[in-house]
Amino acid sequence: MSIKFDKLFKLMKEKGLSTYRIRQENIISQSALTALNNDKNVTTETINKLCKALNCQPGDIMEYVDDNDDKMVN
């Protein structure tokens, strides 16, 4: 089971929010940005800041993916 942030980076591109700008404006920390890039855990505060910067809902930037979908056991 994983939370994937592919939708985040797609939305950032669509809205013109670069990782450079995130770092320059200190929207979230570099370590949080690295965690997002690697689909690792981040705080709800980080999600909140990104949603505010992108004017979106959490579901717009992340999704749950069941790692076992392609490994079904009979």
C-alpha atoms as a PDB file:
ATOM      1  CA  MET A   1       0.000   0.000   0.000  1.00  0.00           C
ATOM      2  CA  SER A   2       1.362   3.362  -0.997  1.00  0.00           C
ATOM      3  CA  ILE A   3       0.465   6.979  -1.361  1.00  0.00           C
ATOM      4  CA  LYS A   4       1.726   8.306  -4.678  1.00  0.00           C
ATOM      5  CA  PHE A   5       2.338  11.976  -5.422  1.00  0.00           C
ATOM      6  CA  ASP A   6       2.488  11.831  -9.236  1.00  0.00           C
ATOM      7  CA  LYS A   7      -0.654  13.979  -9.374  1.00  0.00           C
ATOM      8  CA  LEU A   8       1.127  16.673  -7.353  1.00  0.00           C
ATOM      9  CA  PHE A   9       3.939  17.142  -9.839  1.00  0.00           C
ATOM     10  CA  LYS A  10       1.525  17.144 -12.774  1.00  0.00           C
ATOM     11  CA  LEU A  11      -0.609  19.823 -11.095  1.00  0.00           C
ATOM     12  CA  MET A  12       2.467  21.860 -10.181  1.00  0.00           C
ATOM     13  CA  LYS A  13       3.504  21.876 -13.835  1.00  0.00           C
ATOM     14  CA  GLU A  14      -0.003  22.859 -14.963  1.00  0.00           C
ATOM     15  CA  LYS A  15      -0.119  25.744 -12.464  1.00  0.00           C
ATOM     16  CA  GLY A  16       3.467  26.877 -13.011  1.00  0.00           C
ATOM     17  CA  LEU A  17       4.718  26.076  -9.507  1.00  0.00           C
ATOM     18  CA  SER A  18       8.298  24.851  -9.865  1.00  0.00           C
ATOM     19  CA  THR A  19      10.362  23.068  -7.237  1.00  0.00           C
ATOM     20  CA  TYR A  20      12.749  26.032  -7.490  1.00  0.00           C
ATOM     21  CA  ARG A  21       9.939  28.418  -6.503  1.00  0.00           C
ATOM     22  CA  ILE A  22       8.875  26.100  -3.670  1.00  0.00           C
ATOM     23  CA  ARG A  23      12.404  26.274  -2.282  1.00  0.00           C
ATOM     24  CA  GLN A  24      12.817  30.026  -2.867  1.00  0.00           C
ATOM     25  CA  GLU A  25       9.478  30.924  -1.250  1.00  0.00           C
ATOM     26  CA  ASN A  26      10.005  28.352   1.514  1.00  0.00           C
ATOM     27  CA  ILE A  27       6.565  26.831   0.903  1.00  0.00           C
ATOM     28  CA  ILE A  28       7.779  23.459   2.187  1.00  0.00           C
ATOM     29  CA  SER A  29      11.180  22.219   3.298  1.00  0.00           C
ATOM     30  CA  GLN A  30      13.718  20.597   1.001  1.00  0.00           C
ATOM     31  CA  SER A  31      13.411  17.365   2.990  1.00  0.00           C
ATOM     32  CA  ALA A  32       9.626  17.346   2.480  1.00  0.00           C
ATOM     33  CA  LEU A  33      10.092  17.962  -1.234  1.00  0.00           C
ATOM     34  CA  THR A  34      12.567  15.069  -1.406  1.00  0.00           C
ATOM     35  CA  ALA A  35      10.107  12.823   0.460  1.00  0.00           C
ATOM     36  CA  LEU A  36       7.355  13.726  -2.019  1.00  0.00           C
ATOM     37  CA  ASN A  37       9.632  12.957  -4.957  1.00  0.00           C
ATOM     38  CA  ASN A  38      10.237   9.506  -3.459  1.00  0.00           C
ATOM     39  CA  ASP A  39       6.601   8.828  -2.478  1.00  0.00           C
ATOM     40  CA  LYS A  40       7.565   8.828   1.205  1.00  0.00           C
ATOM     41  CA  ASN A  41       5.494   9.998   4.166  1.00  0.00           C
ATOM     42  CA  VAL A  42       4.969  13.715   4.709  1.00  0.00           C
ATOM     43  CA  THR A  43       3.068  15.612   7.379  1.00  0.00           C
ATOM     44  CA  THR A  44      -0.455  16.910   6.997  1.00  0.00           C
ATOM     45  CA  GLU A  45       1.068  20.369   7.445  1.00  0.00           C
ATOM     46  CA  THR A  46       3.051  19.804   4.232  1.00  0.00           C
ATOM     47  CA  ILE A  47      -0.102  18.657   2.418  1.00  0.00           C
ATOM     48  CA  ASN A  48      -1.928  21.722   3.778  1.00  0.00           C
ATOM     49  CA  LYS A  49       0.769  24.124   2.526  1.00  0.00           C
ATOM     50  CA  LEU A  50       0.790  22.547  -0.929  1.00  0.00           C
ATOM     51  CA  CYS A  51      -2.999  22.639  -1.181  1.00  0.00           C
ATOM     52  CA  LYS A  52      -2.945  26.308  -0.211  1.00  0.00           C
ATOM     53  CA  ALA A  53      -0.208  27.126  -2.751  1.00  0.00           C
ATOM     54  CA  LEU A  54      -1.992  25.196  -5.517  1.00  0.00           C
ATOM     55  CA  ASN A  55      -5.553  26.084  -4.450  1.00  0.00           C
ATOM     56  CA  CYS A  56      -6.607  22.430  -4.487  1.00  0.00           C
ATOM     57  CA  GLN A  57      -7.791  19.536  -2.333  1.00  0.00           C
ATOM     58  CA  PRO A  58      -5.551  16.710  -0.999  1.00  0.00           C
ATOM     59  CA  GLY A  59      -7.047  14.236  -3.461  1.00  0.00           C
ATOM     60  CA  ASP A  60      -5.849  16.481  -6.287  1.00  0.00           C
ATOM     61  CA  ILE A  61      -2.200  15.916  -5.337  1.00  0.00           C
ATOM     62  CA  MET A  62      -2.030  12.367  -4.002  1.00  0.00           C
ATOM     63  CA  GLU A  63      -3.614   8.976  -4.477  1.00  0.00           C
ATOM     64  CA  TYR A  64      -3.652   5.621  -2.742  1.00  0.00           C
ATOM     65  CA  VAL A  65      -2.283   2.733  -4.791  1.00  0.00           C
ATOM     66  CA  ASP A  66      -2.658  -0.827  -3.547  1.00  0.00           C
ATOM     67  CA  ASP A  67       0.680  -2.529  -4.242  1.00  0.00           C
ATOM     68  CA  ASN A  68      -1.056  -5.925  -4.173  1.00  0.00           C
ATOM     69  CA  ASP A  69      -3.423  -5.225  -7.093  1.00  0.00           C
ATOM     70  CA  ASP A  70      -1.200  -7.067  -9.544  1.00  0.00           C
ATOM     71  CA  LYS A  71      -0.197  -9.771  -7.036  1.00  0.00           C
ATOM     72  CA  MET A  72      -3.613 -11.318  -6.360  1.00  0.00           C
ATOM     73  CA  VAL A  73      -3.469 -14.659  -4.608  1.00  0.00           C
ATOM     74  CA  ASN A  74      -6.060 -17.345  -5.432  1.00  0.00           C
END
